[in-house]
C-alpha atoms as a PDB file:
ATOM      1  CA  MET A   1      -0.160   0.044   0.146  1.00  0.00           C
ATOM      2  CA  LYS A   2       1.402   3.208  -0.976  1.00  0.00           C
ATOM      3  CA  ASN A   3       1.654   6.378   1.237  1.00  0.00           C
ATOM      4  CA  THR A   4       1.926   8.984  -1.707  1.00  0.00           C
ATOM      5  CA  HIS A   5      -1.538  10.068  -1.402  1.00  0.00           C
ATOM      6  CA  TYR A   6      -1.672  11.638   2.262  1.00  0.00           C
ATOM      7  CA  GLU A   7      -0.006  14.514   0.985  1.00  0.00           C
ATOM      8  CA  GLU A   8      -3.344  15.319  -1.777  1.00  0.00           C
ATOM      9  CA  LEU A   9      -5.468  14.518   0.705  1.00  0.00           C
ATOM     10  CA  GLU A  10      -4.294  17.485   3.547  1.00  0.00           C
ATOM     11  CA  GLU A  11      -5.038  19.863   0.419  1.00  0.00           C
ATOM     12  CA  GLU A  12      -7.596  22.444   1.761  1.00  0.00           C
ATOM     13  CA  ASP A  13     -10.502  21.681  -1.091  1.00  0.00           C
ATOM     14  CA  ALA A  14     -10.400  17.740  -0.619  1.00  0.00           C
ATOM     15  CA  GLU A  15     -12.975  17.369   1.561  1.00  0.00           C
ATOM     16  CA  PHE A  16     -13.348  13.749   0.229  1.00  0.00           C
ATOM     17  CA  TYR A  17     -11.021  11.261  -1.031  1.00  0.00           C
ATOM     18  CA  VAL A  18     -11.176   7.731  -1.457  1.00  0.00           C
ATOM     19  CA  TYR A  19      -8.076   5.337  -1.769  1.00  0.00           C
ATOM     20  CA  HIS A  20      -8.971   1.878  -2.160  1.00  0.00           C
ATOM     21  CA  VAL A  21      -6.530  -0.894  -2.059  1.00  0.00           C
ATOM     22  CA  LEU A  22      -7.578  -3.866  -4.013  1.00  0.00           C
ATOM     23  CA  THR A  23      -5.098  -6.308  -3.957  1.00  0.00           C
ATOM     24  CA  GLY A  24      -3.993  -7.888  -0.754  1.00  0.00           C
ATOM     25  CA  ASN A  25      -1.476  -7.729   1.660  1.00  0.00           C
ATOM     26  CA  ILE A  26      -1.384  -4.081   2.812  1.00  0.00           C
ATOM     27  CA  GLN A  27       0.981  -2.890   4.723  1.00  0.00           C
ATOM     28  CA  THR A  28       1.219   0.722   5.796  1.00  0.00           C
ATOM     29  CA  GLU A  29       3.725   2.933   8.285  1.00  0.00           C
ATOM     30  CA  LYS A  30       2.179   4.564  11.442  1.00  0.00           C
ATOM     31  CA  HIS A  31       0.748   7.990  10.536  1.00  0.00           C
ATOM     32  CA  THR A  32      -2.132  10.379  10.725  1.00  0.00           C
ATOM     33  CA  HIS A  33      -3.913  13.105   8.620  1.00  0.00           C
ATOM     34  CA  THR A  34      -6.631  15.836   9.421  1.00  0.00           C
ATOM     35  CA  SER A  35      -8.954  14.030   7.784  1.00  0.00           C
ATOM     36  CA  ALA A  36     -11.061  11.053   9.525  1.00  0.00           C
ATOM     37  CA  GLN A  37     -11.133   7.553   7.778  1.00  0.00           C
ATOM     38  CA  LEU A  38     -13.751   5.168   7.308  1.00  0.00           C
ATOM     39  CA  ILE A  39     -11.984   1.597   6.282  1.00  0.00           C
ATOM     40  CA  TYR A  40     -13.757  -1.146   5.105  1.00  0.00           C
ATOM     41  CA  ALA A  41     -12.914  -4.440   4.445  1.00  0.00           C
ATOM     42  CA  GLU A  42     -14.497  -6.972   1.688  1.00  0.00           C
ATOM     43  CA  GLY A  43     -13.012 -10.520   2.405  1.00  0.00           C
ATOM     44  CA  GLY A  44     -10.037 -11.640   5.188  1.00  0.00           C
ATOM     45  CA  ILE A  45      -9.344  -9.753   8.117  1.00  0.00           C
ATOM     46  CA  VAL A  46      -7.484  -6.380   8.914  1.00  0.00           C
ATOM     47  CA  HIS A  47      -5.168  -5.240  11.712  1.00  0.00           C
ATOM     48  CA  ILE A  48      -5.455  -1.473  12.822  1.00  0.00           C
ATOM     49  CA  PHE A  49      -3.139  -0.500  15.175  1.00  0.00           C
ATOM     50  CA  THR A  50      -3.357   2.870  17.344  1.00  0.00           C
ATOM     51  CA  GLU A  51      -1.473   3.655  20.070  1.00  0.00           C
ATOM     52  CA  PHE A  52      -2.543   1.517  22.645  1.00  0.00           C
ATOM     53  CA  ARG A  53      -4.907  -0.970  20.969  1.00  0.00           C
ATOM     54  CA  HIS A  54      -4.661  -3.700  18.399  1.00  0.00           C
ATOM     55  CA  TRP A  55      -8.106  -4.010  16.401  1.00  0.00           C
ATOM     56  CA  TYR A  56      -9.128  -6.735  14.049  1.00  0.00           C
ATOM     57  CA  LEU A  57     -11.283  -5.524  10.978  1.00  0.00           C
ATOM     58  CA  PRO A  58     -13.402  -8.510  10.013  1.00  0.00           C
ATOM     59  CA  ALA A  59     -14.902  -8.674   6.473  1.00  0.00           C
ATOM     60  CA  ARG A  60     -18.510  -7.103   6.495  1.00  0.00           C
ATOM     61  CA  CYS A  61     -17.934  -4.136   9.094  1.00  0.00           C
ATOM     62  CA  PHE A  62     -16.246  -0.810   8.919  1.00  0.00           C
ATOM     63  CA  MET A  63     -13.742   1.465  10.860  1.00  0.00           C
ATOM     64  CA  TRP A  64     -14.035   4.727  11.830  1.00  0.00           C
ATOM     65  CA  ILE A  65     -10.796   6.477  12.464  1.00  0.00           C
ATOM     66  CA  PRO A  66     -11.441  10.388  13.753  1.00  0.00           C
ATOM     67  CA  ALA A  67      -8.795  12.724  12.418  1.00  0.00           C
ATOM     68  CA  GLY A  68      -5.808  13.326  14.405  1.00  0.00           C
ATOM     69  CA  VAL A  69      -5.132   9.569  15.493  1.00  0.00           C
ATOM     70  CA  PRO A  70      -2.018   8.282  14.539  1.00  0.00           C
ATOM     71  CA  HIS A  71      -2.464   4.334  13.291  1.00  0.00           C
ATOM     72  CA  TYR A  72      -0.864   1.576  10.904  1.00  0.00           C
ATOM     73  CA  ILE A  73      -2.428  -1.398   9.079  1.00  0.00           C
ATOM     74  CA  LEU A  74      -1.585  -4.492   8.220  1.00  0.00           C
ATOM     75  CA  SER A  75      -3.412  -7.475   6.608  1.00  0.00           C
ATOM     76  CA  PHE A  76      -1.650 -10.155   5.398  1.00  0.00           C
ATOM     77  CA  SER A  77      -4.727 -11.840   3.445  1.00  0.00           C
ATOM     78  CA  PRO A  78      -4.397 -11.969  -0.393  1.00  0.00           C
ATOM     79  CA  LYS A  79      -8.083 -12.090  -1.054  1.00  0.00           C
ATOM     80  CA  VAL A  80      -8.815  -8.829   1.012  1.00  0.00           C
ATOM     81  CA  ASP A  81      -9.617  -5.510  -0.847  1.00  0.00           C
ATOM     82  CA  LEU A  82      -9.636  -2.386   1.497  1.00  0.00           C
ATOM     83  CA  TYR A  83     -11.950   0.254   0.565  1.00  0.00           C
ATOM     84  CA  ASP A  84     -10.712   3.731   2.290  1.00  0.00           C
ATOM     85  CA  PHE A  85     -13.097   7.368   2.457  1.00  0.00           C
ATOM     86  CA  TYR A  86     -11.249   9.891   3.828  1.00  0.00           C
ATOM     87  CA  PHE A  87     -13.899  12.977   5.331  1.00  0.00           C
ATOM     88  CA  LYS A  88     -13.088  16.865   6.684  1.00  0.00           C
ATOM     89  CA  LYS A  89     -14.405  17.773   9.484  1.00  0.00           C
ATOM     90  CA  GLU A  90     -17.312  20.110   9.434  1.00  0.00           C
ATOM     91  CA  GLU A  91     -18.361  22.591  11.577  1.00  0.00           C
ATOM     92  CA  ILE A  92     -20.918  21.027  12.665  1.00  0.00           C
ATOM     93  CA  GLU A  93     -20.500  16.971  12.932  1.00  0.00           C
ATOM     94  CA  ASP A  94     -22.756  14.627  14.758  1.00  0.00           C
ATOM     95  CA  GLU A  95     -20.642  13.046  18.238  1.00  0.00           C
ATOM     96  CA  PHE A  96     -20.763   9.743  16.583  1.00  0.00           C
ATOM     97  CA  PHE A  97     -17.341  10.811  14.417  1.00  0.00           C
ATOM     98  CA  ASP A  98     -15.672  11.915  17.280  1.00  0.00           C
ATOM     99  CA  THR A  99     -15.284   8.056  18.646  1.00  0.00           C
ATOM    100  CA  ILE A 100     -13.067   5.560  17.077  1.00  0.00           C
ATOM    101  CA  ASN A 101     -14.866   1.857  16.839  1.00  0.00           C
ATOM    102  CA  ILE A 102     -15.576  -0.793  14.277  1.00  0.00           C
ATOM    103  CA  TYR A 103     -19.038  -1.432  13.133  1.00  0.00           C
ATOM    104  CA  SER A 104     -21.476  -3.916  11.036  1.00  0.00           C
ATOM    105  CA  VAL A 105     -22.211  -3.158   7.553  1.00  0.00           C
ATOM    106  CA  ASN A 106     -25.823  -4.116   5.992  1.00  0.00           C
ATOM    107  CA  ASN A 107     -26.463  -4.756   2.530  1.00  0.00           C
ATOM    108  CA  LEU A 108     -27.526  -0.924   1.442  1.00  0.00           C
ATOM    109  CA  LEU A 109     -23.973   0.552   3.095  1.00  0.00           C
ATOM    110  CA  ARG A 110     -21.681  -2.687   1.371  1.00  0.00           C
ATOM    111  CA  GLU A 111     -23.506  -1.434  -2.263  1.00  0.00           C
ATOM    112  CA  MET A 112     -22.823   2.025  -1.750  1.00  0.00           C
ATOM    113  CA  ILE A 113     -18.971   1.106  -0.719  1.00  0.00           C
ATOM    114  CA  MET A 114     -18.513  -1.369  -3.679  1.00  0.00           C
ATOM    115  CA  TYR A 115     -20.441   1.814  -6.127  1.00  0.00           C
ATOM    116  CA  THR A 116     -16.987   3.310  -5.746  1.00  0.00           C
ATOM    117  CA  LYS A 117     -14.788   0.356  -6.423  1.00  0.00           C
ATOM    118  CA  ASP A 118     -13.671   2.491  -9.641  1.00  0.00           C
ATOM    119  CA  TRP A 119     -13.131   5.651  -7.730  1.00  0.00           C
ATOM    120  CA  ASN A 120      -9.358   7.226  -6.945  1.00  0.00           C
ATOM    121  CA  GLY A 121      -8.205  10.653  -5.493  1.00  0.00           C
ATOM    122  CA  LYS A 122      -9.708  14.011  -4.256  1.00  0.00           C
ATOM    123  CA  ILE A 123     -13.467  14.359  -4.633  1.00  0.00           C
ATOM    124  CA  THR A 124     -14.537  18.159  -5.177  1.00  0.00           C
ATOM    125  CA  LYS A 125     -17.628  20.440  -5.674  1.00  0.00           C
ATOM    126  CA  ASN A 126     -17.210  20.024  -9.191  1.00  0.00           C
ATOM    127  CA  ASP A 127     -18.101  16.811  -9.378  1.00  0.00           C
ATOM    128  CA  GLU A 128     -20.926  16.921  -8.432  1.00  0.00           C
ATOM    129  CA  SER A 129     -22.458  13.573  -8.651  1.00  0.00           C
ATOM    130  CA  LYS A 130     -19.947  11.484  -6.435  1.00  0.00           C
ATOM    131  CA  TYR A 131     -19.648  14.916  -4.257  1.00  0.00           C
ATOM    132  CA  TYR A 132     -23.183  14.416  -2.890  1.00  0.00           C
ATOM    133  CA  PHE A 133     -22.808  10.984  -3.314  1.00  0.00           C
ATOM    134  CA  LEU A 134     -20.248  10.598  -0.756  1.00  0.00           C
ATOM    135  CA  LYS A 135     -22.008  13.307   1.122  1.00  0.00           C
ATOM    136  CA  ALA A 136     -25.035  11.033   1.513  1.00  0.00           C
ATOM    137  CA  LEU A 137     -22.267   7.640   2.556  1.00  0.00           C
ATOM    138  CA  LYS A 138     -20.902   9.956   5.209  1.00  0.00           C
ATOM    139  CA  GLY A 139     -24.641  10.916   6.420  1.00  0.00           C
ATOM    140  CA  ILE A 140     -26.448   7.764   7.040  1.00  0.00           C
ATOM    141  CA  LEU A 141     -23.056   6.675   9.408  1.00  0.00           C
ATOM    142  CA  PRO A 142     -24.301   7.593  12.352  1.00  0.00           C
ATOM    143  CA  GLU A 143     -27.115   5.449  12.253  1.00  0.00           C
ATOM    144  CA  LYS A 144     -24.941   2.466  12.543  1.00  0.00           C
ATOM    145  CA  ARG A 145     -23.963   3.763  16.090  1.00  0.00           C
ATOM    146  CA  ASP A 146     -25.908   0.421  18.156  1.00  0.00           C
ATOM    147  CA  LYS A 147     -24.317  -1.507  15.377  1.00  0.00           C
ATOM    148  CA  ARG A 148     -20.766  -1.413  17.083  1.00  0.00           C
ATOM    149  CA  LEU A 149     -19.069  -4.623  17.664  1.00  0.00           C
ATOM    150  CA  ALA A 150     -18.629  -6.025  20.922  1.00  0.00           C
ATOM    151  CA  PHE A 151     -14.903  -6.524  23.013  1.00  0.00           C
ATOM    152  CA  PRO A 152     -12.555  -8.577  20.808  1.00  0.00           C
ATOM    153  CA  VAL A 153     -12.679  -6.152  18.034  1.00  0.00           C
ATOM    154  CA  GLN A 154     -10.211  -4.506  20.004  1.00  0.00           C
ATOM    155  CA  HIS A 155      -7.860  -5.731  22.726  1.00  0.00           C
ATOM    156  CA  PRO A 156      -4.679  -3.892  24.133  1.00  0.00           C
ATOM    157  CA  PHE A 157      -1.761  -4.171  22.743  1.00  0.00           C
ATOM    158  CA  PRO A 158       1.328  -5.456  24.808  1.00  0.00           C
ATOM    159  CA  LYS A 159       4.187  -3.440  24.952  1.00  0.00           C
ATOM    160  CA  ASP A 160       6.044  -5.096  27.393  1.00  0.00           C
ATOM    161  CA  GLU A 161       8.332  -7.583  25.785  1.00  0.00           C
ATOM    162  CA  THR A 162       7.660 -10.947  27.612  1.00  0.00           C
ATOM    163  CA  LEU A 163       3.633 -10.473  27.093  1.00  0.00           C
ATOM    164  CA  LEU A 164       4.315 -10.032  23.852  1.00  0.00           C
ATOM    165  CA  LYS A 165       6.274 -13.140  23.610  1.00  0.00           C
ATOM    166  CA  VAL A 166       3.173 -14.453  25.621  1.00  0.00           C
ATOM    167  CA  ALA A 167       1.346 -13.412  23.144  1.00  0.00           C
ATOM    168  CA  ARG A 168       2.813 -14.863  19.977  1.00  0.00           C
ATOM    169  CA  TYR A 169       2.916 -18.194  21.975  1.00  0.00           C
ATOM    170  CA  ILE A 170      -0.782 -18.245  23.149  1.00  0.00           C
ATOM    171  CA  ASN A 171      -1.916 -17.203  19.404  1.00  0.00           C
ATOM    172  CA  ALA A 172       0.482 -20.116  17.505  1.00  0.00           C
ATOM    173  CA  ASN A 173      -1.256 -22.611  19.623  1.00  0.00           C
ATOM    174  CA  LEU A 174      -5.188 -21.731  20.422  1.00  0.00           C
ATOM    175  CA  GLU A 175      -6.163 -25.266  19.633  1.00  0.00           C
ATOM    176  CA  LYS A 176      -4.087 -26.233  23.163  1.00  0.00           C
ATOM    177  CA  ASN A 177      -5.258 -26.187  26.254  1.00  0.00           C
ATOM    178  CA  LEU A 178      -3.809 -23.403  27.458  1.00  0.00           C
ATOM    179  CA  THR A 179      -4.426 -23.003  31.104  1.00  0.00           C
ATOM    180  CA  ILE A 180      -2.543 -19.754  32.623  1.00  0.00           C
ATOM    181  CA  GLY A 181      -0.520 -22.039  35.015  1.00  0.00           C
ATOM    182  CA  ALA A 182       0.515 -24.071  31.427  1.00  0.00           C
ATOM    183  CA  THR A 183       1.658 -20.987  30.120  1.00  0.00           C
ATOM    184  CA  ALA A 184       3.394 -19.941  32.477  1.00  0.00           C
ATOM    185  CA  LYS A 185       5.662 -22.606  33.114  1.00  0.00           C
ATOM    186  CA  GLU A 186       6.485 -22.241  29.077  1.00  0.00           C
ATOM    187  CA  PHE A 187       7.897 -19.068  29.798  1.00  0.00           C
ATOM    188  CA  GLY A 188       9.369 -19.803  33.443  1.00  0.00           C
ATOM    189  CA  MET A 189       6.873 -17.651  35.730  1.00  0.00           C
ATOM    190  CA  SER A 190       5.154 -18.460  38.081  1.00  0.00           C
ATOM    191  CA  THR A 191       0.902 -17.941  37.810  1.00  0.00           C
ATOM    192  CA  ARG A 192       0.692 -15.583  40.362  1.00  0.00           C
ATOM    193  CA  THR A 193       3.243 -13.707  38.321  1.00  0.00           C
ATOM    194  CA  LEU A 194       1.640 -13.619  34.905  1.00  0.00           C
ATOM    195  CA  SER A 195      -1.413 -13.200  36.359  1.00  0.00           C
ATOM    196  CA  ARG A 196      -0.286  -9.618  37.890  1.00  0.00           C
ATOM    197  CA  LYS A 197       1.270  -9.138  34.615  1.00  0.00           C
ATOM    198  CA  PHE A 198      -1.727  -8.634  32.833  1.00  0.00           C
ATOM    199  CA  LYS A 199      -3.981  -6.906  35.255  1.00  0.00           C
ATOM    200  CA  GLU A 200      -0.944  -4.459  35.189  1.00  0.00           C
ATOM    201  CA  ILE A 201       0.116  -3.897  32.236  1.00  0.00           C
ATOM    202  CA  LEU A 202      -3.654  -4.756  29.935  1.00  0.00           C
ATOM    203  CA  GLY A 203      -5.633  -4.279  32.715  1.00  0.00           C
ATOM    204  CA  MET A 204      -7.527  -7.404  31.693  1.00  0.00           C
ATOM    205  CA  ASN A 205      -7.063 -10.927  33.008  1.00  0.00           C
ATOM    206  CA  TYR A 206      -5.355 -13.699  31.338  1.00  0.00           C
ATOM    207  CA  VAL A 207      -8.727 -15.765  30.379  1.00  0.00           C
ATOM    208  CA  ARG A 208     -10.206 -12.534  28.751  1.00  0.00           C
ATOM    209  CA  PHE A 209      -7.064 -11.859  26.800  1.00  0.00           C
ATOM    210  CA  LEU A 210      -7.387 -16.154  25.486  1.00  0.00           C
ATOM    211  CA  ARG A 211     -10.977 -15.424  24.775  1.00  0.00           C
ATOM    212  CA  ALA A 212     -10.324 -12.596  22.197  1.00  0.00           C
ATOM    213  CA  LEU A 213      -7.443 -14.100  20.844  1.00  0.00           C
ATOM    214  CA  ARG A 214      -9.797 -17.264  20.417  1.00  0.00           C
ATOM    215  CA  ILE A 215     -12.692 -15.596  18.868  1.00  0.00           C
ATOM    216  CA  THR A 216     -10.765 -13.391  16.300  1.00  0.00           C
ATOM    217  CA  ARG A 217      -8.554 -16.308  15.233  1.00  0.00           C
ATOM    218  CA  SER A 218     -12.340 -17.999  14.484  1.00  0.00           C
ATOM    219  CA  LEU A 219     -12.926 -14.617  12.406  1.00  0.00           C
ATOM    220  CA  GLU A 220     -10.076 -14.917  10.487  1.00  0.00           C
ATOM    221  CA  LEU A 221     -10.946 -19.015  10.039  1.00  0.00           C
ATOM    222  CA  MET A 222     -15.213 -17.658   9.025  1.00  0.00           C
ATOM    223  CA  SER A 223     -13.684 -15.311   6.273  1.00  0.00           C
ATOM    224  CA  GLU A 224     -11.390 -18.130   4.452  1.00  0.00           C
ATOM    225  CA  SER A 225     -14.373 -20.346   3.998  1.00  0.00           C
ATOM    226  CA  LYS A 226     -12.238 -23.636   4.445  1.00  0.00           C
ATOM    227  CA  TYR A 227     -14.164 -25.031   7.244  1.00  0.00           C
ATOM    228  CA  ASN A 228     -17.106 -25.768   8.608  1.00  0.00           C
ATOM    229  CA  MET A 229     -18.103 -24.120  12.472  1.00  0.00           C
ATOM    230  CA  TYR A 230     -16.597 -27.509  14.218  1.00  0.00           C
ATOM    231  CA  GLU A 231     -13.857 -27.741  12.805  1.00  0.00           C
ATOM    232  CA  ILE A 232     -13.656 -24.023  13.468  1.00  0.00           C
ATOM    233  CA  ALA A 233     -13.838 -24.669  16.803  1.00  0.00           C
ATOM    234  CA  MET A 234     -11.817 -26.813  17.372  1.00  0.00           C
ATOM    235  CA  MET A 235      -9.333 -24.748  15.643  1.00  0.00           C
ATOM    236  CA  VAL A 236      -9.276 -22.053  18.130  1.00  0.00           C
ATOM    237  CA  GLY A 237      -9.592 -24.364  21.252  1.00  0.00           C
ATOM    238  CA  TYR A 238     -12.839 -25.789  22.392  1.00  0.00           C
ATOM    239  CA  ASN A 239     -13.953 -28.719  23.033  1.00  0.00           C
ATOM    240  CA  SER A 240     -17.334 -28.508  21.536  1.00  0.00           C
ATOM    241  CA  LEU A 241     -19.171 -26.797  19.197  1.00  0.00           C
ATOM    242  CA  SER A 242     -21.980 -25.430  22.334  1.00  0.00           C
ATOM    243  CA  SER A 243     -19.221 -23.878  24.194  1.00  0.00           C
ATOM    244  CA  PHE A 244     -17.869 -22.017  21.179  1.00  0.00           C
ATOM    245  CA  SER A 245     -21.131 -20.666  20.397  1.00  0.00           C
ATOM    246  CA  ASN A 246     -22.073 -19.390  23.564  1.00  0.00           C
ATOM    247  CA  ILE A 247     -18.638 -17.877  24.110  1.00  0.00           C
ATOM    248  CA  PHE A 248     -18.809 -15.962  20.383  1.00  0.00           C
ATOM    249  CA  LYS A 249     -22.594 -14.897  21.027  1.00  0.00           C
ATOM    250  CA  LYS A 250     -21.117 -13.400  24.302  1.00  0.00           C
ATOM    251  CA  VAL A 251     -18.771 -11.714  22.608  1.00  0.00           C
ATOM    252  CA  ILE A 252     -19.796 -10.500  19.220  1.00  0.00           C
ATOM    253  CA  GLY A 253     -23.497 -10.338  19.807  1.00  0.00           C
ATOM    254  CA  ILE A 254     -24.953 -12.763  17.379  1.00  0.00           C
ATOM    255  CA  PRO A 255     -24.232 -16.900  17.346  1.00  0.00           C
ATOM    256  CA  PRO A 256     -21.343 -17.748  14.667  1.00  0.00           C
ATOM    257  CA  THR A 257     -23.940 -19.652  11.777  1.00  0.00           C
ATOM    258  CA  GLU A 258     -25.705 -16.040  11.506  1.00  0.00           C
ATOM    259  CA  TYR A 259     -22.145 -14.057  11.715  1.00  0.00           C
ATOM    260  CA  TYR A 260     -20.769 -16.574   8.810  1.00  0.00           C
ATOM    261  CA  GLN A 261     -24.414 -16.061   6.638  1.00  0.00           C
ATOM    262  CA  ARG A 262     -23.649 -12.054   7.500  1.00  0.00           C
ATOM    263  CA  LEU A 263     -20.072 -12.694   5.868  1.00  0.00           C
ATOM    264  CA  LYS A 264     -21.347 -14.527   3.190  1.00  0.00           C
ATOM    265  CA  GLY A 265     -23.746 -12.024   2.167  1.00  0.00           C
ATOM    266  CA  ASP A 266     -26.443 -14.493   2.686  1.00  0.00           C
ATOM    267  CA  LYS A 267     -28.535 -11.483   4.647  1.00  0.00           C
END
């Protein structure tokens, strides 16, 4: 993903700017801009890092990043299409636009986003049809405030080197019975020490962090459309489909089967 468009979107008349990346394997350097950003993922999973958090943007969802928020983007999926829209801040705006978050996308909004597939660059009032189309797109976004996704699409990103190694180990072994005692032993720590690290550094306990990684990994596996729900449950460390479904619904807000149907566009 090239970064050369950042200068152009800062121009005064760039009220709207479109920059889609439809090639997969996306990576940017850490950056910020004076325009807010809407990111939509079509296929795959996109990883977005802000100062203190690691966000997972699943397919069929969009992320709103207010102006001035430093971030960088990664995606290792060769199939993901990333739709990027930039919006200059208006004098009077809904408070919705002041908060970073991830929201689900219904068919109408998806169709509007996909309609812009071949657009690129600065959109000014001189191009009335595109200009007012994007104005309308932005205008319906506050209606999504109740469609924000639940917990595991974001979690604190461990900056402590030891905890980073623990997180990588957990992520590489999600199918195993990863009790805090077993993980602590793997790194030569006591259970009490590891538990304290999670609470002091991340502000959350080990079980909640493990659950976040398992559910977000299941979102990635669903996006690949290679596995059935039982296989996914086993691959992320649940010993039954019912236990996986219960946790998934508790965290995401809908059953995994319903999420999968939405992912495929059947609803």
